[in-house]
Protein backbone atom coordinates (compact mmCIF):
# COMPACT_ATOMS: atom_id res chain seq x y z
CA MET A 1 27.72 22.65 10.28
CA THR A 2 30.36 20.02 9.79
CA THR A 3 29.90 16.89 7.73
CA SER A 4 30.09 14.64 10.77
CA THR A 5 27.33 16.64 12.48
CA LEU A 6 25.17 16.32 9.39
CA ILE A 7 25.78 12.57 9.21
CA ARG A 8 24.84 12.14 12.88
CA THR A 9 21.74 14.29 12.41
CA LEU A 10 20.54 12.29 9.40
CA ALA A 11 21.20 9.02 11.23
CA TRP A 12 19.16 10.20 14.23
CA CYS A 13 16.37 11.41 11.94
CA ALA A 14 16.25 8.03 10.21
CA GLY A 15 16.17 6.21 13.54
CA ILE A 16 13.38 8.40 14.92
CA ASN A 17 11.37 8.06 11.71
CA TYR A 18 11.69 4.27 11.77
CA ALA A 19 10.56 4.25 15.43
CA ILE A 20 7.49 6.27 14.42
CA LEU A 21 6.87 3.85 11.54
CA ILE A 22 7.04 0.84 13.87
CA LEU A 23 4.67 2.50 16.36
CA TRP A 24 2.31 3.31 13.49
CA MET A 25 2.28 -0.32 12.34
CA LEU A 26 1.69 -1.57 15.90
CA ALA A 27 -1.11 0.92 16.63
CA THR A 28 -3.05 0.29 13.43
CA ARG A 29 -5.52 -2.34 14.66
CA THR A 30 -5.89 -1.24 18.28
CA VAL A 31 -5.98 2.55 18.00
CA MET A 32 -6.27 3.81 14.45
CA PHE A 33 -8.93 1.55 12.94
CA PRO A 34 -11.54 2.08 15.70
CA MET A 35 -10.88 5.83 15.57
CA TRP A 36 -11.24 5.94 11.77
CA GLN A 37 -14.37 3.84 11.96
CA ARG A 38 -15.99 6.25 14.43
CA MET A 39 -14.86 9.42 12.68
CA PHE A 40 -15.17 8.53 8.99
CA LYS A 41 -17.36 5.39 8.88
CA VAL A 42 -14.83 3.46 6.76
CA SER A 43 -14.84 -0.27 6.31
CA GLU A 44 -11.98 -2.40 7.53
CA SER A 45 -10.74 -3.11 4.01
CA ASP A 46 -10.72 0.61 3.14
CA ALA A 47 -8.93 1.41 6.40
CA ASN A 48 -6.31 -1.26 5.66
CA ARG A 49 -5.82 0.13 2.16
CA LEU A 50 -5.43 3.70 3.44
CA ASN A 51 -3.08 2.58 6.18
CA LEU A 52 -0.88 0.64 3.77
CA LEU A 53 -0.74 3.62 1.43
CA GLY A 54 0.25 5.93 4.30
CA ILE A 55 2.93 3.54 5.52
CA MET A 56 4.35 3.20 2.00
CA LEU A 57 4.45 6.97 1.45
CA TYR A 58 6.09 7.53 4.84
CA LYS A 59 8.69 4.86 4.12
CA ILE A 60 9.47 6.41 0.72
CA GLY A 61 9.89 9.76 2.47
CA ILE A 62 12.34 8.23 4.93
CA PHE A 63 14.37 6.76 2.08
CA LEU A 64 14.39 9.95 0.01
CA PHE A 65 14.99 12.52 2.75
CA ASN A 66 17.06 10.61 5.32
CA LEU A 67 18.74 7.46 4.03
CA VAL A 68 19.78 8.54 0.52
CA PRO A 69 21.47 11.77 1.73
CA LEU A 70 23.07 9.81 4.60
CA VAL A 71 24.53 7.20 2.24
CA ALA A 72 25.68 9.91 -0.17
CA LEU A 73 27.49 11.74 2.62
CA LEU A 74 29.08 8.54 3.84
CA ILE A 75 30.32 7.76 0.32
CA VAL A 76 31.68 11.27 -0.21
CA THR A 77 33.50 11.41 3.13
CA ARG A 78 35.26 8.03 2.69
């Protein structure tokens, strides 16, 4: 695998992950909260707390596994 292929792959992965993150944030109130309330009987404040924690962990994962290696490759190849 060439460096340019790896850079393109990491860029696509970051873009797809951010699209998933945006969909997650948009679907929270309309889809996820009613589902969690039916399945787990959680309050709205607990659901908001869990959702924020999940979003933060997912965003940290995107930074660590997609963006940091992408930036490092871009720096090394320049």
